Protein backbone atom coordinates (compact mmCIF):
# COMPACT_ATOMS: atom_id res chain seq x y z
CA UNK A 1 107.27 58.76 110.35
CA UNK A 2 109.95 57.60 112.77
CA UNK A 3 108.68 58.11 116.47
CA UNK A 4 110.20 57.73 119.81
CA UNK A 5 108.56 56.91 123.02
CA UNK A 6 109.91 57.91 126.10
CA UNK A 7 109.14 56.25 129.72
CA UNK A 8 110.14 58.07 132.14
CA UNK A 9 110.49 56.95 136.23
CA UNK A 10 109.08 59.12 138.98
CA UNK A 11 109.87 58.90 142.91
CA UNK A 12 112.46 55.65 143.82
CA UNK A 13 110.75 53.10 142.20
CA UNK A 14 112.17 53.11 139.14
CA UNK A 15 110.77 51.53 136.27
CA UNK A 16 110.72 47.36 136.22
CA UNK A 17 112.56 45.27 133.35
CA UNK A 18 108.68 44.17 132.43
CA UNK A 19 107.68 47.90 131.81
CA UNK A 20 109.40 49.17 128.21
CA UNK A 21 107.96 45.70 126.66
CA UNK A 22 104.53 45.97 128.05
CA UNK A 23 104.29 49.16 127.11
CA UNK A 24 105.63 48.13 123.80
CA UNK A 25 103.48 45.82 122.56
CA UNK A 26 100.61 48.60 123.58
CA UNK A 27 102.42 50.56 121.28
CA UNK A 28 102.27 47.58 118.48
CA UNK A 29 99.02 47.12 118.71
CA UNK A 30 98.45 50.88 118.08
CA UNK A 31 100.52 51.53 115.15
CA UNK A 32 100.78 48.23 113.46
CA UNK A 33 104.43 48.64 114.04
CA UNK A 34 107.62 46.64 115.35
CA UNK A 35 108.51 48.28 117.94
CA UNK A 36 112.33 48.98 118.70
CA UNK A 37 114.25 47.27 121.73
CA UNK A 38 114.45 49.97 124.73
CA UNK A 39 117.47 52.07 124.42
CA UNK A 40 118.28 52.85 128.34
CA UNK A 41 118.70 56.40 128.68
CA UNK A 42 119.03 56.00 132.63
CA UNK A 43 118.39 52.25 133.85
CA UNK A 44 115.24 51.88 135.88
CA UNK A 45 114.28 55.80 135.66
CA UNK A 46 114.24 56.12 131.80
CA UNK A 47 114.31 54.32 128.20
CA UNK A 48 113.41 55.08 124.64
CA UNK A 49 111.06 53.16 122.34
CA UNK A 50 111.51 53.78 118.53
CA UNK A 51 108.15 53.24 116.76
CA UNK A 52 106.66 54.23 113.21
CA UNK A 53 103.30 56.05 112.67
CA UNK A 54 102.24 58.69 110.38
CA UNK A 55 99.16 60.17 113.37
CA UNK A 56 101.16 61.90 115.83
CA UNK A 57 98.03 63.28 117.42
CA UNK A 58 95.85 60.54 117.19
CA UNK A 59 98.59 57.59 118.84
CA UNK A 60 99.29 60.44 121.50
CA UNK A 61 96.01 60.02 122.70
CA UNK A 62 95.32 56.54 122.19
CA UNK A 63 98.81 55.62 124.53
CA UNK A 64 97.82 58.49 126.87
CA UNK A 65 94.25 56.78 127.42
CA UNK A 66 96.61 53.57 127.78
CA UNK A 67 98.65 54.87 129.86
CA UNK A 68 96.86 56.94 132.24
CA UNK A 69 96.70 55.03 135.19
CA UNK A 70 100.57 54.08 135.32
CA UNK A 71 103.29 55.48 137.68
CA UNK A 72 105.24 56.56 135.45
CA UNK A 73 105.60 59.40 132.16
CA UNK A 74 105.12 58.87 128.63
CA UNK A 75 105.83 60.83 125.63
CA UNK A 76 105.66 60.38 121.86
CA UNK A 77 107.05 62.76 119.24
CA UNK A 78 108.82 62.72 115.83
CA UNK A 79 112.62 61.00 116.68
CA UNK A 80 114.19 64.14 114.49
CA UNK A 81 114.79 67.28 115.99
CA UNK A 82 113.86 66.16 119.39
CA UNK A 83 117.21 67.84 120.59
CA UNK A 84 116.33 71.46 121.33
CA UNK A 85 117.98 74.91 120.69
CA UNK A 86 115.93 76.93 123.12
CA UNK A 87 114.22 76.65 126.40
CA UNK A 88 111.64 78.72 128.14
CA UNK A 89 110.48 77.99 131.46
CA UNK A 90 107.69 79.16 133.56
CA UNK A 91 109.64 80.02 137.19
CA UNK A 92 106.45 79.56 140.02
CA UNK A 93 105.51 75.78 140.75
CA UNK A 94 107.79 74.98 137.90
CA UNK A 95 111.80 76.21 138.03
CA UNK A 96 110.94 76.54 141.78
CA UNK A 97 108.38 74.57 143.71
CA UNK A 98 105.83 77.28 145.02
CA UNK A 99 104.01 80.36 143.67
CA UNK A 100 106.76 83.01 144.88
CA UNK A 101 103.70 85.74 145.81
CA UNK A 102 101.61 83.57 147.89
CA UNK A 103 104.42 82.99 150.09
CA UNK A 104 105.50 87.08 149.93
CA UNK A 105 101.89 87.23 150.91
CA UNK A 106 102.27 85.31 154.11
CA UNK A 107 104.11 87.83 155.60
CA UNK A 108 101.31 89.79 155.13
CA UNK A 109 99.47 87.39 156.78
CA UNK A 110 97.19 86.88 153.98
CA UNK A 111 98.64 83.98 152.23
CA UNK A 112 95.66 81.94 152.22
CA UNK A 113 93.31 84.86 150.54
CA UNK A 114 96.34 85.17 147.84
CA UNK A 115 96.79 81.60 147.41
CA UNK A 116 93.66 81.22 146.53
CA UNK A 117 93.36 83.42 143.85
CA UNK A 118 95.97 82.44 142.27
CA UNK A 119 94.86 79.25 142.09
CA UNK A 120 92.20 79.87 139.81
CA UNK A 121 94.13 82.39 137.94
CA UNK A 122 96.78 79.21 137.30
CA UNK A 123 93.48 77.03 136.29
CA UNK A 124 92.39 79.74 133.85
CA UNK A 125 89.15 80.21 135.97
CA UNK A 126 89.42 84.00 136.23
CA UNK A 127 91.80 86.54 133.86
CA UNK A 128 95.28 86.68 134.84
CA UNK A 129 95.70 90.10 134.48
CA UNK A 130 93.24 91.56 137.03
CA UNK A 131 94.49 88.72 139.26
CA UNK A 132 97.66 89.92 139.14
CA UNK A 133 96.32 93.67 140.34
CA UNK A 134 93.95 92.48 143.07
CA UNK A 135 96.87 90.41 144.38
CA UNK A 136 99.44 93.33 144.68
CA UNK A 137 96.83 95.54 145.42
CA UNK A 138 96.27 93.21 148.94
CA UNK A 139 100.27 93.63 149.93
CA UNK A 140 99.80 97.55 149.95
CA UNK A 141 102.05 98.53 152.68
CA UNK A 142 104.10 95.51 153.09
CA UNK A 143 107.45 95.67 153.95
CA UNK A 144 110.27 95.45 151.22
CA UNK A 145 112.29 93.99 153.49
CA UNK A 146 109.75 90.87 153.10
CA UNK A 147 111.40 90.03 149.11
CA UNK A 148 114.55 89.26 150.94
CA UNK A 149 112.59 86.93 153.11
CA UNK A 150 110.66 85.67 150.91
CA UNK A 151 113.44 84.56 148.40
CA UNK A 152 115.43 82.77 151.04
CA UNK A 153 112.38 79.92 151.47
CA UNK A 154 112.07 79.36 148.20
CA UNK A 155 113.12 75.72 146.64
CA UNK A 156 114.39 74.94 143.04
CA UNK A 157 112.20 72.06 141.94
CA UNK A 158 114.36 69.19 141.44
CA UNK A 159 117.02 68.89 138.59
CA UNK A 160 116.26 72.47 137.88
CA UNK A 161 120.35 73.38 137.78
CA UNK A 162 120.92 69.69 135.94
CA UNK A 163 118.00 71.03 132.94
CA UNK A 164 118.97 74.63 132.31
CA UNK A 165 123.09 73.93 132.44
CA UNK A 166 123.23 70.62 130.83
CA UNK A 167 121.49 72.47 127.76
CA UNK A 168 123.57 75.64 127.97
CA UNK A 169 126.62 73.07 127.54
CA UNK A 170 125.28 71.99 124.54
CA UNK A 171 124.59 74.83 122.71
CA UNK A 172 120.69 75.60 123.74
CA UNK A 173 119.17 79.45 125.40
CA UNK A 174 117.58 79.30 128.26
CA UNK A 175 115.28 82.21 129.24
CA UNK A 176 113.15 82.37 131.89
CA UNK A 177 109.67 83.55 131.54
CA UNK A 178 107.65 84.88 134.48
CA UNK A 179 104.09 86.18 135.28
CA UNK A 180 105.43 86.80 138.87
CA UNK A 181 108.05 89.54 139.69
CA UNK A 182 111.47 90.09 138.37
CA UNK A 183 113.05 90.96 141.71
CA UNK A 184 112.52 86.69 142.22
CA UNK A 185 113.18 85.93 138.48
CA UNK A 186 116.31 87.22 138.23
CA UNK A 187 118.11 85.69 141.36
CA UNK A 188 116.37 82.34 140.53
CA UNK A 189 117.38 82.65 136.94
CA UNK A 190 121.03 83.17 138.20
CA UNK A 191 120.88 80.18 140.38
CA UNK A 192 120.17 78.24 137.87
CA UNK A 193 122.20 79.02 135.29
CA UNK A 194 119.42 80.93 132.21
CA UNK A 195 120.60 83.62 130.21
CA UNK A 196 118.26 85.83 130.77
CA UNK A 197 114.61 86.16 132.45
CA UNK A 198 111.44 88.12 131.75
CA UNK A 199 108.89 89.24 134.13
CA UNK A 200 107.16 91.87 136.41
CA UNK A 201 107.72 94.48 138.29
CA UNK A 202 106.50 95.60 141.82
CA UNK A 203 106.65 99.38 142.24
CA UNK A 204 108.02 99.84 145.96
CA UNK A 205 108.44 103.41 147.08
CA UNK A 206 109.98 104.51 150.59
CA UNK A 207 111.14 100.78 151.55
CA UNK A 208 107.33 99.57 150.63
CA UNK A 209 105.15 98.18 148.18
CA UNK A 210 102.28 100.21 146.67
CA UNK A 211 100.19 98.05 145.40
CA UNK A 212 100.73 98.49 142.08
CA UNK A 213 102.93 96.80 139.91
CA UNK A 214 104.15 98.51 136.65
CA UNK A 215 101.91 97.83 133.02
CA UNK A 216 102.33 96.68 130.85
CA UNK A 217 101.67 92.81 132.27
CA UNK A 218 103.44 89.89 131.73
CA UNK A 219 100.67 87.61 130.41
CA UNK A 220 99.88 84.44 128.93
CA UNK A 221 100.45 86.23 125.22
CA UNK A 222 103.83 88.09 126.53
CA UNK A 223 105.56 84.60 127.02
CA UNK A 224 103.77 83.55 123.47
CA UNK A 225 105.63 87.03 122.32
CA UNK A 226 109.09 85.97 124.12
CA UNK A 227 108.69 82.34 122.47
CA UNK A 228 108.65 83.88 119.40
CA UNK A 229 110.94 87.15 119.70
CA UNK A 230 113.76 85.05 121.09
CA UNK A 231 113.09 82.20 118.82
CA UNK A 232 113.42 84.96 115.63
CA UNK A 233 116.35 87.06 117.01
CA UNK A 234 118.28 83.78 117.61
CA UNK A 235 117.29 82.42 114.42
CA UNK A 236 116.00 79.26 116.01
CA UNK A 237 113.29 77.56 114.16
CA UNK A 238 110.23 77.23 116.57
CA UNK A 239 110.30 73.14 115.71
CA UNK A 240 113.61 73.25 117.73
CA UNK A 241 112.11 75.28 120.72
CA UNK A 242 111.01 73.69 124.19
CA UNK A 243 108.49 75.61 126.08
CA UNK A 244 107.45 74.01 129.82
CA UNK A 245 105.13 75.39 133.03
CA UNK A 246 101.96 74.45 134.47
CA UNK A 247 99.48 77.10 134.58
CA UNK A 248 96.61 78.72 132.30
CA UNK A 249 99.13 81.59 130.91
CA UNK A 250 101.63 79.11 130.04
CA UNK A 251 99.17 77.10 127.38
CA UNK A 252 100.24 79.72 124.71
CA UNK A 253 103.56 78.85 125.07
CA UNK A 254 103.44 76.02 125.84
CA UNK A 255 101.07 74.98 122.08
CA UNK A 256 103.46 76.99 120.20
CA UNK A 257 106.77 75.06 120.85
CA UNK A 258 108.68 72.53 118.91
CA UNK A 259 108.05 70.15 122.39
CA UNK A 260 105.39 71.92 125.37
CA UNK A 261 105.75 70.31 128.60
CA UNK A 262 103.13 70.69 131.12
CA UNK A 263 105.23 70.12 134.35
CA UNK A 264 102.94 68.75 137.07
CA UNK A 265 100.52 71.17 135.50
CA UNK A 266 96.55 72.42 136.34
CA UNK A 267 94.26 69.36 134.48
CA UNK A 268 93.06 71.62 131.55
CA UNK A 269 96.77 72.07 130.60
CA UNK A 270 98.01 68.88 130.93
CA UNK A 271 94.88 67.63 129.17
CA UNK A 272 96.48 70.07 126.13
CA UNK A 273 99.96 69.76 126.72
CA UNK A 274 101.32 67.78 123.69
CA UNK A 275 103.74 66.81 126.52
CA UNK A 276 103.00 66.07 130.33
CA UNK A 277 105.88 65.14 133.56
CA UNK A 278 103.29 64.23 136.58
CA UNK A 279 105.72 62.34 137.76
CA UNK A 280 109.33 63.15 136.96
CA UNK A 281 111.82 65.96 138.23
CA UNK A 282 113.09 68.67 135.98
CA UNK A 283 115.39 66.38 134.30
CA UNK A 284 112.73 64.61 132.33
CA UNK A 285 112.70 67.33 130.07
CA UNK A 286 116.46 66.30 129.04
CA UNK A 287 115.04 62.63 129.02
CA UNK A 288 112.80 64.21 126.48
CA UNK A 289 115.27 65.31 123.75
CA UNK A 290 117.22 61.81 124.40
CA UNK A 291 119.92 62.53 126.59
CA UNK A 292 121.41 60.68 128.89
CA UNK A 293 121.59 60.56 132.73
CA UNK A 294 125.72 61.01 131.85
CA UNK A 295 125.59 63.31 129.86
CA UNK A 296 124.01 65.72 132.51
CA UNK A 297 125.80 68.81 133.72
CA UNK A 298 125.80 69.33 137.02
CA UNK A 299 126.93 71.49 139.52
């Protein structure tokens, strides 16, 4: 099987000239096959190394063990079909840098209490639906004006717009699928250029939050169902899909996609995902597909 190992730098340092050769030597020892010379997708930032091997899972585990202390990302995948035609992305702590519900709770003076529950839910320690209902109930009576104020402070993760717009320009379908709220996803989707967004709905009456969320709640099963539904409706094989997120409710879609990417994720999610980005920004997901920096679409 033809494989490609992609190295992606994070921060300002980039990859040194020696890094690809050193990694190629490690890969050759694991695969008993000659590694190709590095193909630089962006000088000093990202490169591909071609390999051959049959045990993809075993090679991934071995490379992860060998490279886990390095300050760059490394992802091994089949060379065939690496450019994807469908992207599903989580919003909170993935496409945006924060958890929008936690930020909303700041206007009720209970951000720390809400954030503690959010963290446990994202780690998979407590039921997501129950945790969402509990957190929303704590916001009962909060003015709906806080939604706009929260939105004004939300920042996109570096590379978010470039990821979506580059994939769209190359014919891919893009969907923002969140266990958060449509008030935010609809506006973030528009800023980034997603084709569609799916999320939960807060119930607002007389200008204040009622403390309830509309049923049924979009959760991990809904995210997986969305991946399958969109894939089928648009006649895109799951093998040509990419899903990314950071929390436990993202893991089913990450595991089912053609390439699932844990993005700066919780430890259990990173461990289970086929690919993980710890240091790069969201343009890393373009490098994983073989895009060169010169192909990126911005603005």
